[in-house]
């Protein structure tokens, strides 16, 4: 099994009632992945504010940037390969709200 990072991007802002329903879908999806042994770390949602440190001068700017590029959270999963990790991500509730799941393999190092 290899490790993959799901980065959750975008998605619509919702009413509190819709957010509660969405959270129930997230919990059900996490339970399904966990029951099948794919969840390595469920991760956390991220605040919508932060700072970005860029370049050699270490310039600091406000971030994140555009809504569509904003990372809203992450999850670490295990899967046989990238194709399986992508297939598993298709059940993510963020997709229903116009968001996206970026699936990234974790590079193995000797550290």
C-alpha atoms as a PDB file:
ATOM      1  CA  UNK A   1       0.000   0.000   0.000  1.00  0.00           C
ATOM      2  CA  UNK A   2       1.136   3.525  -0.787  1.00  0.00           C
ATOM      3  CA  UNK A   3       0.165   6.791   0.862  1.00  0.00           C
ATOM      4  CA  UNK A   4      -1.711   9.613  -0.856  1.00  0.00           C
ATOM      5  CA  UNK A   5      -2.749  13.080   0.242  1.00  0.00           C
ATOM      6  CA  UNK A   6      -6.212  14.380  -0.586  1.00  0.00           C
ATOM      7  CA  UNK A   7      -6.281  18.173  -0.767  1.00  0.00           C
ATOM      8  CA  UNK A   8      -9.815  19.546  -0.749  1.00  0.00           C
ATOM      9  CA  UNK A   9     -10.241  22.647  -2.909  1.00  0.00           C
ATOM     10  CA  UNK A  10     -13.132  25.018  -3.435  1.00  0.00           C
ATOM     11  CA  UNK A  11     -16.749  24.132  -2.817  1.00  0.00           C
ATOM     12  CA  UNK A  12     -19.742  26.339  -2.165  1.00  0.00           C
ATOM     13  CA  UNK A  13     -20.469  28.240   1.039  1.00  0.00           C
ATOM     14  CA  UNK A  14     -23.591  26.870   2.643  1.00  0.00           C
ATOM     15  CA  UNK A  15     -26.270  27.678   5.191  1.00  0.00           C
ATOM     16  CA  UNK A  16     -25.796  26.161   8.667  1.00  0.00           C
ATOM     17  CA  UNK A  17     -28.468  23.539   7.895  1.00  0.00           C
ATOM     18  CA  UNK A  18     -26.809  22.555   4.631  1.00  0.00           C
ATOM     19  CA  UNK A  19     -23.412  22.459   6.367  1.00  0.00           C
ATOM     20  CA  UNK A  20     -24.814  20.030   8.948  1.00  0.00           C
ATOM     21  CA  UNK A  21     -26.092  17.735   6.191  1.00  0.00           C
ATOM     22  CA  UNK A  22     -22.776  18.045   4.359  1.00  0.00           C
ATOM     23  CA  UNK A  23     -20.885  17.132   7.557  1.00  0.00           C
ATOM     24  CA  UNK A  24     -22.997  13.984   7.886  1.00  0.00           C
ATOM     25  CA  UNK A  25     -22.036  13.009   4.311  1.00  0.00           C
ATOM     26  CA  UNK A  26     -18.346  13.658   5.142  1.00  0.00           C
ATOM     27  CA  UNK A  27     -18.557  11.484   8.268  1.00  0.00           C
ATOM     28  CA  UNK A  28     -20.247   8.669   6.330  1.00  0.00           C
ATOM     29  CA  UNK A  29     -17.581   8.853   3.606  1.00  0.00           C
ATOM     30  CA  UNK A  30     -14.756   8.829   6.182  1.00  0.00           C
ATOM     31  CA  UNK A  31     -16.377   5.857   7.935  1.00  0.00           C
ATOM     32  CA  UNK A  32     -16.620   3.942   4.657  1.00  0.00           C
ATOM     33  CA  UNK A  33     -12.961   4.624   3.827  1.00  0.00           C
ATOM     34  CA  UNK A  34     -11.907   3.808   7.397  1.00  0.00           C
ATOM     35  CA  UNK A  35     -13.870   0.548   7.474  1.00  0.00           C
ATOM     36  CA  UNK A  36     -11.993  -0.514   4.332  1.00  0.00           C
ATOM     37  CA  UNK A  37      -8.620   0.399   5.868  1.00  0.00           C
ATOM     38  CA  UNK A  38      -7.840   3.397   3.645  1.00  0.00           C
ATOM     39  CA  UNK A  39      -7.742   6.226   6.215  1.00  0.00           C
ATOM     40  CA  UNK A  40      -4.226   6.801   7.509  1.00  0.00           C
ATOM     41  CA  UNK A  41      -5.037  10.217   9.028  1.00  0.00           C
ATOM     42  CA  UNK A  42      -8.436  11.904   8.584  1.00  0.00           C
ATOM     43  CA  UNK A  43      -6.758  15.329   8.623  1.00  0.00           C
ATOM     44  CA  UNK A  44      -8.521  18.558   9.483  1.00  0.00           C
ATOM     45  CA  UNK A  45     -10.308  21.448   7.827  1.00  0.00           C
ATOM     46  CA  UNK A  46      -8.160  24.545   7.413  1.00  0.00           C
ATOM     47  CA  UNK A  47      -8.971  28.141   8.335  1.00  0.00           C
ATOM     48  CA  UNK A  48      -9.719  30.427   5.400  1.00  0.00           C
ATOM     49  CA  UNK A  49      -6.963  32.865   6.419  1.00  0.00           C
ATOM     50  CA  UNK A  50      -3.192  32.596   6.548  1.00  0.00           C
ATOM     51  CA  UNK A  51       0.072  33.935   5.207  1.00  0.00           C
ATOM     52  CA  UNK A  52       2.272  32.916   2.290  1.00  0.00           C
ATOM     53  CA  UNK A  53       6.070  33.193   2.442  1.00  0.00           C
ATOM     54  CA  UNK A  54       7.596  33.578  -1.043  1.00  0.00           C
ATOM     55  CA  UNK A  55      10.975  33.707  -2.705  1.00  0.00           C
ATOM     56  CA  UNK A  56      14.515  34.389  -1.643  1.00  0.00           C
ATOM     57  CA  UNK A  57      13.515  37.635   0.079  1.00  0.00           C
ATOM     58  CA  UNK A  58      11.016  35.639   2.141  1.00  0.00           C
ATOM     59  CA  UNK A  59       8.299  38.174   1.296  1.00  0.00           C
ATOM     60  CA  UNK A  60       5.145  37.567   3.313  1.00  0.00           C
ATOM     61  CA  UNK A  61       1.713  38.184   1.812  1.00  0.00           C
ATOM     62  CA  UNK A  62      -1.827  37.473   2.863  1.00  0.00           C
ATOM     63  CA  UNK A  63      -3.216  34.212   1.605  1.00  0.00           C
ATOM     64  CA  UNK A  64      -4.716  31.963   0.521  1.00  0.00           C
ATOM     65  CA  UNK A  65      -5.683  33.359  -2.831  1.00  0.00           C
ATOM     66  CA  UNK A  66      -8.642  32.716  -5.145  1.00  0.00           C
ATOM     67  CA  UNK A  67     -11.534  30.666  -3.766  1.00  0.00           C
ATOM     68  CA  UNK A  68     -11.099  28.007  -6.447  1.00  0.00           C
ATOM     69  CA  UNK A  69      -7.484  27.433  -5.434  1.00  0.00           C
ATOM     70  CA  UNK A  70      -8.003  27.564  -1.683  1.00  0.00           C
ATOM     71  CA  UNK A  71      -7.153  24.354   0.144  1.00  0.00           C
ATOM     72  CA  UNK A  72      -9.955  23.752   2.638  1.00  0.00           C
ATOM     73  CA  UNK A  73      -8.543  20.636   4.269  1.00  0.00           C
ATOM     74  CA  UNK A  74      -6.656  17.410   3.780  1.00  0.00           C
ATOM     75  CA  UNK A  75      -6.722  13.662   4.449  1.00  0.00           C
ATOM     76  CA  UNK A  76      -3.952  11.065   4.300  1.00  0.00           C
ATOM     77  CA  UNK A  77      -5.089   7.769   2.763  1.00  0.00           C
ATOM     78  CA  UNK A  78      -3.560   4.437   1.823  1.00  0.00           C
ATOM     79  CA  UNK A  79      -4.316   2.738  -1.472  1.00  0.00           C
ATOM     80  CA  UNK A  80      -2.739   0.172  -3.773  1.00  0.00           C
ATOM     81  CA  UNK A  81      -1.863   2.797  -6.377  1.00  0.00           C
ATOM     82  CA  UNK A  82      -2.767   6.243  -7.714  1.00  0.00           C
ATOM     83  CA  UNK A  83      -5.652   4.888  -9.787  1.00  0.00           C
ATOM     84  CA  UNK A  84      -7.257   3.354  -6.667  1.00  0.00           C
ATOM     85  CA  UNK A  85      -6.691   6.531  -4.643  1.00  0.00           C
ATOM     86  CA  UNK A  86      -8.401   8.550  -7.387  1.00  0.00           C
ATOM     87  CA  UNK A  87     -11.303   6.082  -7.498  1.00  0.00           C
ATOM     88  CA  UNK A  88     -11.762   6.351  -3.719  1.00  0.00           C
ATOM     89  CA  UNK A  89     -11.772  10.165  -3.911  1.00  0.00           C
ATOM     90  CA  UNK A  90     -14.809  10.131  -6.215  1.00  0.00           C
ATOM     91  CA  UNK A  91     -17.071   9.603  -3.203  1.00  0.00           C
ATOM     92  CA  UNK A  92     -15.940  12.845  -1.538  1.00  0.00           C
ATOM     93  CA  UNK A  93     -18.858  15.134  -0.628  1.00  0.00           C
ATOM     94  CA  UNK A  94     -16.959  18.264  -1.736  1.00  0.00           C
ATOM     95  CA  UNK A  95     -17.516  17.183  -5.328  1.00  0.00           C
ATOM     96  CA  UNK A  96     -21.278  17.675  -4.891  1.00  0.00           C
ATOM     97  CA  UNK A  97     -20.708  21.364  -4.137  1.00  0.00           C
ATOM     98  CA  UNK A  98     -18.463  22.119  -7.113  1.00  0.00           C
ATOM     99  CA  UNK A  99     -15.216  21.523  -5.240  1.00  0.00           C
ATOM    100  CA  UNK A 100     -12.313  19.280  -6.176  1.00  0.00           C
ATOM    101  CA  UNK A 101     -10.069  16.666  -4.594  1.00  0.00           C
ATOM    102  CA  UNK A 102      -6.415  16.874  -5.569  1.00  0.00           C
ATOM    103  CA  UNK A 103      -4.849  13.424  -5.144  1.00  0.00           C
ATOM    104  CA  UNK A 104      -1.089  13.505  -4.559  1.00  0.00           C
ATOM    105  CA  UNK A 105       1.222  10.538  -3.971  1.00  0.00           C
ATOM    106  CA  UNK A 106       3.442  10.857  -0.906  1.00  0.00           C
ATOM    107  CA  UNK A 107       7.070  10.534  -1.981  1.00  0.00           C
ATOM    108  CA  UNK A 108       8.947   7.873  -0.063  1.00  0.00           C
ATOM    109  CA  UNK A 109      12.197   9.072   1.458  1.00  0.00           C
ATOM    110  CA  UNK A 110      14.784   7.475   3.720  1.00  0.00           C
ATOM    111  CA  UNK A 111      14.332  10.018   6.496  1.00  0.00           C
END
